[in-house]
Amino acid sequence: MTFLQIIAVIFISLATLMSLFRLLFGPSNADRVVSADALSLIATIVLVLLALVFNSTLYLDVAMIYAVLSFVGIVVLAQLLETKKSKGED
């Protein structure tokens, strides 16, 4: 592992820990949705990096499918949050 790869792993780990903290202890539901989106983005980035490390396009296919599904999931969560907000439940 090169020095730049080690730095990248450290930054990805820090971003994951900060997003997990916000997901668990976020002051509002909107913060939790944003942190869930960040975590799904980090997972997609990790899959792309795995594709580079193992020189396999299979990981890229999985990353694209995961990114689309996580985008749809986050949009649904945001819509649910907006519906609750408009009804005055939150």
Protein backbone atom coordinates (compact mmCIF):
# COMPACT_ATOMS: atom_id res chain seq x y z
CA MET A 1 0.00 0.00 0.00
CA THR A 2 1.38 3.37 -0.96
CA PHE A 3 1.42 6.43 1.23
CA LEU A 4 -1.41 8.08 -0.71
CA GLN A 5 -3.57 4.97 -0.37
CA ILE A 6 -3.03 4.96 3.38
CA ILE A 7 -4.05 8.62 3.57
CA ALA A 8 -7.15 7.89 1.46
CA VAL A 9 -8.15 5.03 3.77
CA ILE A 10 -7.70 7.28 6.82
CA PHE A 11 -9.88 10.02 5.29
CA ILE A 12 -12.57 7.55 4.24
CA SER A 13 -12.56 6.08 7.75
CA LEU A 14 -12.88 9.51 9.34
CA ALA A 15 -15.72 10.46 7.00
CA THR A 16 -17.49 7.20 7.84
CA LEU A 17 -17.13 7.75 11.58
CA MET A 18 -18.39 11.33 11.36
CA SER A 19 -21.37 10.29 9.25
CA LEU A 20 -22.20 7.44 11.62
CA PHE A 21 -22.05 9.84 14.56
CA ARG A 22 -24.45 12.23 12.82
CA LEU A 23 -26.73 9.35 11.88
CA LEU A 24 -26.95 8.13 15.47
CA PHE A 25 -26.94 11.44 17.34
CA GLY A 26 -28.28 13.89 14.77
CA PRO A 27 -30.41 16.65 16.24
CA SER A 28 -33.04 16.34 13.52
CA ASN A 29 -34.36 13.81 11.05
CA ALA A 30 -33.04 15.86 8.14
CA ASP A 31 -29.52 15.52 9.52
CA ARG A 32 -30.00 11.77 9.73
CA VAL A 33 -31.16 11.57 6.10
CA VAL A 34 -28.16 13.60 4.93
CA SER A 35 -25.78 11.39 6.90
CA ALA A 36 -27.41 8.26 5.45
CA ASP A 37 -26.85 9.74 1.99
CA ALA A 38 -23.22 10.44 2.86
CA LEU A 39 -22.75 6.87 4.07
CA SER A 40 -24.19 5.48 0.87
CA LEU A 41 -21.85 7.71 -1.12
CA ILE A 42 -18.90 6.49 0.94
CA ALA A 43 -19.92 2.88 0.30
CA THR A 44 -20.07 3.59 -3.42
CA ILE A 45 -16.62 5.17 -3.31
CA VAL A 46 -15.24 2.14 -1.47
CA LEU A 47 -16.66 -0.15 -4.14
CA VAL A 48 -15.03 1.92 -6.87
CA LEU A 49 -11.72 1.82 -5.02
CA LEU A 50 -12.04 -1.95 -4.69
CA ALA A 51 -12.52 -2.10 -8.45
CA LEU A 52 -9.26 -0.22 -8.86
CA VAL A 53 -7.36 -2.36 -6.38
CA PHE A 54 -8.55 -5.71 -7.73
CA ASN A 55 -8.68 -4.52 -11.37
CA SER A 56 -12.20 -5.91 -11.74
CA THR A 57 -15.11 -4.29 -13.51
CA LEU A 58 -17.58 -6.34 -11.49
CA TYR A 59 -17.14 -3.97 -8.57
CA LEU A 60 -17.96 -1.04 -10.83
CA ASP A 61 -21.22 -2.68 -11.87
CA VAL A 62 -22.12 -3.31 -8.25
CA ALA A 63 -21.19 0.29 -7.38
CA MET A 64 -23.46 1.68 -10.10
CA ILE A 65 -26.40 -0.47 -9.02
CA TYR A 66 -25.81 0.40 -5.37
CA ALA A 67 -25.61 4.12 -6.17
CA VAL A 68 -28.91 4.08 -8.06
CA LEU A 69 -30.69 2.10 -5.36
CA SER A 70 -29.34 4.28 -2.57
CA PHE A 71 -30.36 7.41 -4.47
CA VAL A 72 -33.91 6.10 -4.79
CA GLY A 73 -33.94 5.17 -1.10
CA ILE A 74 -32.73 8.60 -0.02
CA VAL A 75 -35.33 10.32 -2.22
CA VAL A 76 -38.04 8.19 -0.60
CA LEU A 77 -36.77 9.05 2.88
CA ALA A 78 -36.66 12.74 2.02
CA GLN A 79 -40.21 12.58 0.62
CA LEU A 80 -41.39 10.84 3.79
CA LEU A 81 -39.69 13.47 5.92
CA GLU A 82 -41.29 16.26 3.88
CA THR A 83 -44.72 14.63 4.16
CA LYS A 84 -44.38 14.38 7.94
CA LYS A 85 -43.23 17.99 8.10
CA SER A 86 -46.18 19.25 6.06
CA LYS A 87 -48.61 17.34 8.28
CA GLY A 88 -47.00 18.83 11.40
CA GLU A 89 -45.85 15.54 12.89
CA ASP A 90 -42.25 16.62 13.36
